[in-house]
Amino acid sequence: MSNKIKSGKDVIDEFFAEILNVEGVDQKTVEKLVELYGENKLTDSKIQNALDELKQEALNPKKEQDNGED
């Protein structure tokens, strides 16, 4: 074990790097959060908007498929 003290950013970077490996989490939600974090857009409003989009996709899967067929 290293005696090096990690910065808050290091801890958060490590968290987002490993969160995809956690069992039992919704993959799409985690991917969206990781994406927002990577773009430095992890804000309350961006998270809420992303979760609303994922919810709509889940409720209307046919609409998502139709978008690719235009």
N, C-alpha and C. Protein backbone atom coordinates (compact mmCIF):
# COMPACT_ATOMS: atom_id res chain seq x y z
N MET A 1 0.83 -1.18 0.00
CA MET A 1 0.00 0.00 0.00
C MET A 1 0.87 1.24 0.00
N SER A 2 0.53 2.20 -0.80
CA SER A 2 1.31 3.41 -0.93
C SER A 2 0.96 4.41 0.17
N ASN A 3 1.96 5.16 0.58
CA ASN A 3 1.75 6.20 1.58
C ASN A 3 1.38 7.53 0.94
N LYS A 4 1.30 7.55 -0.37
CA LYS A 4 0.96 8.77 -1.09
C LYS A 4 -0.49 9.16 -0.81
N ILE A 5 -0.69 10.41 -0.47
CA ILE A 5 -2.03 10.92 -0.24
C ILE A 5 -2.59 11.40 -1.57
N LYS A 6 -3.77 10.91 -1.90
CA LYS A 6 -4.39 11.27 -3.17
C LYS A 6 -5.18 12.57 -3.00
N SER A 7 -5.18 13.35 -4.06
CA SER A 7 -5.99 14.56 -4.05
C SER A 7 -7.45 14.16 -4.26
N GLY A 8 -8.35 15.09 -3.98
CA GLY A 8 -9.76 14.84 -4.21
C GLY A 8 -10.03 14.50 -5.66
N LYS A 9 -9.38 15.19 -6.59
CA LYS A 9 -9.55 14.93 -8.01
C LYS A 9 -9.08 13.53 -8.35
N ASP A 10 -7.95 13.11 -7.78
CA ASP A 10 -7.45 11.76 -8.03
C ASP A 10 -8.46 10.70 -7.57
N VAL A 11 -9.04 10.92 -6.42
CA VAL A 11 -10.03 9.97 -5.88
C VAL A 11 -11.25 9.91 -6.78
N ILE A 12 -11.72 11.07 -7.22
CA ILE A 12 -12.90 11.11 -8.09
C ILE A 12 -12.59 10.50 -9.45
N ASP A 13 -11.41 10.81 -10.01
CA ASP A 13 -11.01 10.21 -11.28
C ASP A 13 -10.98 8.69 -11.17
N GLU A 14 -10.44 8.20 -10.08
CA GLU A 14 -10.37 6.75 -9.85
C GLU A 14 -11.77 6.16 -9.72
N PHE A 15 -12.64 6.85 -9.01
CA PHE A 15 -14.02 6.40 -8.85
C PHE A 15 -14.69 6.25 -10.21
N PHE A 16 -14.60 7.28 -11.07
CA PHE A 16 -15.25 7.22 -12.36
C PHE A 16 -14.59 6.22 -13.31
N ALA A 17 -13.32 5.94 -13.10
CA ALA A 17 -12.65 4.93 -13.91
C ALA A 17 -13.11 3.53 -13.53
N GLU A 18 -13.48 3.32 -12.28
CA GLU A 18 -13.85 2.00 -11.79
C GLU A 18 -15.34 1.74 -11.72
N ILE A 19 -16.16 2.78 -11.80
CA ILE A 19 -17.60 2.61 -11.59
C ILE A 19 -18.23 1.70 -12.64
N LEU A 20 -17.66 1.65 -13.83
CA LEU A 20 -18.21 0.77 -14.87
C LEU A 20 -18.06 -0.71 -14.51
N ASN A 21 -17.17 -1.01 -13.59
CA ASN A 21 -16.93 -2.40 -13.19
C ASN A 21 -17.79 -2.85 -12.01
N VAL A 22 -18.61 -1.96 -11.48
CA VAL A 22 -19.44 -2.29 -10.32
C VAL A 22 -20.64 -3.11 -10.79
N GLU A 23 -20.87 -4.22 -10.12
CA GLU A 23 -21.99 -5.08 -10.48
C GLU A 23 -23.30 -4.48 -9.99
N GLY A 24 -24.34 -4.68 -10.78
CA GLY A 24 -25.67 -4.28 -10.35
C GLY A 24 -26.05 -2.85 -10.65
N VAL A 25 -25.20 -2.12 -11.36
CA VAL A 25 -25.56 -0.74 -11.70
C VAL A 25 -26.12 -0.70 -13.11
N ASP A 26 -26.96 0.30 -13.38
CA ASP A 26 -27.50 0.46 -14.72
C ASP A 26 -26.39 0.99 -15.63
N GLN A 27 -26.04 0.20 -16.62
CA GLN A 27 -24.90 0.51 -17.49
C GLN A 27 -25.06 1.84 -18.22
N LYS A 28 -26.25 2.08 -18.78
CA LYS A 28 -26.46 3.32 -19.52
C LYS A 28 -26.34 4.54 -18.63
N THR A 29 -26.87 4.44 -17.41
CA THR A 29 -26.78 5.56 -16.47
C THR A 29 -25.34 5.84 -16.11
N VAL A 30 -24.59 4.80 -15.80
CA VAL A 30 -23.19 4.97 -15.44
C VAL A 30 -22.40 5.54 -16.61
N GLU A 31 -22.64 5.03 -17.81
CA GLU A 31 -21.93 5.54 -18.98
C GLU A 31 -22.20 7.03 -19.19
N LYS A 32 -23.45 7.44 -18.98
CA LYS A 32 -23.81 8.85 -19.14
C LYS A 32 -23.11 9.71 -18.08
N LEU A 33 -23.07 9.23 -16.84
CA LEU A 33 -22.40 9.98 -15.77
C LEU A 33 -20.90 10.10 -16.04
N VAL A 34 -20.30 9.00 -16.49
CA VAL A 34 -18.87 9.02 -16.82
C VAL A 34 -18.61 10.00 -17.97
N GLU A 35 -19.49 9.98 -18.97
CA GLU A 35 -19.37 10.89 -20.10
C GLU A 35 -19.45 12.35 -19.64
N LEU A 36 -20.44 12.66 -18.82
CA LEU A 36 -20.57 14.03 -18.31
C LEU A 36 -19.35 14.44 -17.50
N TYR A 37 -18.86 13.53 -16.68
CA TYR A 37 -17.67 13.84 -15.87
C TYR A 37 -16.47 14.11 -16.77
N GLY A 38 -16.29 13.28 -17.78
CA GLY A 38 -15.17 13.44 -18.70
C GLY A 38 -15.22 14.75 -19.48
N GLU A 39 -16.43 15.26 -19.70
CA GLU A 39 -16.61 16.53 -20.41
C GLU A 39 -16.66 17.72 -19.46
N ASN A 40 -16.40 17.49 -18.17
CA ASN A 40 -16.50 18.52 -17.14
C ASN A 40 -17.87 19.17 -17.12
N LYS A 41 -18.90 18.35 -17.32
CA LYS A 41 -20.28 18.84 -17.34
C LYS A 41 -21.14 18.14 -16.29
N LEU A 42 -20.52 17.70 -15.22
CA LEU A 42 -21.24 16.98 -14.18
C LEU A 42 -21.88 17.99 -13.23
N THR A 43 -23.00 18.55 -13.67
CA THR A 43 -23.75 19.52 -12.88
C THR A 43 -25.13 18.96 -12.59
N ASP A 44 -25.81 19.54 -11.62
CA ASP A 44 -27.15 19.08 -11.27
C ASP A 44 -28.06 19.08 -12.49
N SER A 45 -28.07 20.16 -13.23
CA SER A 45 -29.00 20.27 -14.36
C SER A 45 -28.62 19.30 -15.49
N LYS A 46 -27.33 19.14 -15.77
CA LYS A 46 -26.91 18.20 -16.82
C LYS A 46 -27.24 16.76 -16.43
N ILE A 47 -27.04 16.42 -15.17
CA ILE A 47 -27.36 15.08 -14.69
C ILE A 47 -28.86 14.84 -14.81
N GLN A 48 -29.66 15.80 -14.37
CA GLN A 48 -31.11 15.66 -14.45
C GLN A 48 -31.58 15.51 -15.89
N ASN A 49 -31.04 16.32 -16.79
CA ASN A 49 -31.41 16.23 -18.20
C ASN A 49 -31.03 14.87 -18.79
N ALA A 50 -29.83 14.39 -18.45
CA ALA A 50 -29.36 13.10 -18.96
C ALA A 50 -30.24 11.97 -18.45
N LEU A 51 -30.60 12.03 -17.17
CA LEU A 51 -31.46 10.99 -16.59
C LEU A 51 -32.86 11.03 -17.20
N ASP A 52 -33.35 12.24 -17.46
CA ASP A 52 -34.66 12.37 -18.13
C ASP A 52 -34.61 11.77 -19.54
N GLU A 53 -33.52 12.01 -20.26
CA GLU A 53 -33.37 11.43 -21.60
C GLU A 53 -33.33 9.91 -21.55
N LEU A 54 -32.58 9.36 -20.60
CA LEU A 54 -32.51 7.90 -20.46
C LEU A 54 -33.87 7.32 -20.09
N LYS A 55 -34.60 8.03 -19.25
CA LYS A 55 -35.94 7.58 -18.86
C LYS A 55 -36.86 7.56 -20.08
N GLN A 56 -36.81 8.61 -20.88
CA GLN A 56 -37.65 8.67 -22.07
C GLN A 56 -37.27 7.56 -23.07
N GLU A 57 -35.98 7.30 -23.21
CA GLU A 57 -35.54 6.21 -24.09
C GLU A 57 -36.08 4.86 -23.59
N ALA A 58 -36.07 4.68 -22.29
CA ALA A 58 -36.56 3.42 -21.71
C ALA A 58 -38.07 3.29 -21.89
N LEU A 59 -38.78 4.41 -21.80
CA LEU A 59 -40.23 4.38 -21.93
C LEU A 59 -40.68 4.29 -23.39
N ASN A 60 -39.85 4.76 -24.31
CA ASN A 60 -40.19 4.79 -25.74
C ASN A 60 -39.11 4.15 -26.58
N PRO A 61 -38.83 2.87 -26.40
CA PRO A 61 -37.73 2.25 -27.16
C PRO A 61 -37.98 2.24 -28.66
N LYS A 62 -39.23 2.20 -29.11
CA LYS A 62 -39.53 2.19 -30.52
C LYS A 62 -39.13 3.52 -31.16
N LYS A 63 -39.34 4.61 -30.48
CA LYS A 63 -38.97 5.93 -30.99
C LYS A 63 -37.47 6.01 -31.26
N GLU A 64 -36.67 5.44 -30.36
CA GLU A 64 -35.21 5.43 -30.54
C GLU A 64 -34.82 4.65 -31.79
N GLN A 65 -35.49 3.51 -32.04
CA GLN A 65 -35.20 2.71 -33.22
C GLN A 65 -35.64 3.43 -34.48
N ASP A 66 -36.76 4.13 -34.43
CA ASP A 66 -37.27 4.84 -35.60
C ASP A 66 -36.34 5.95 -36.04
N ASN A 67 -35.63 6.57 -35.10
CA ASN A 67 -34.71 7.66 -35.43
C ASN A 67 -33.61 7.21 -36.37
N GLY A 68 -33.18 5.99 -36.28
CA GLY A 68 -32.12 5.48 -37.12
C GLY A 68 -32.58 5.07 -38.50
N GLU A 69 -33.90 4.99 -38.72
CA GLU A 69 -34.43 4.51 -39.98
C GLU A 69 -34.86 5.62 -40.92
N ASP A 70 -34.73 6.89 -40.52
CA ASP A 70 -35.17 8.01 -41.35
C ASP A 70 -34.33 8.18 -42.58
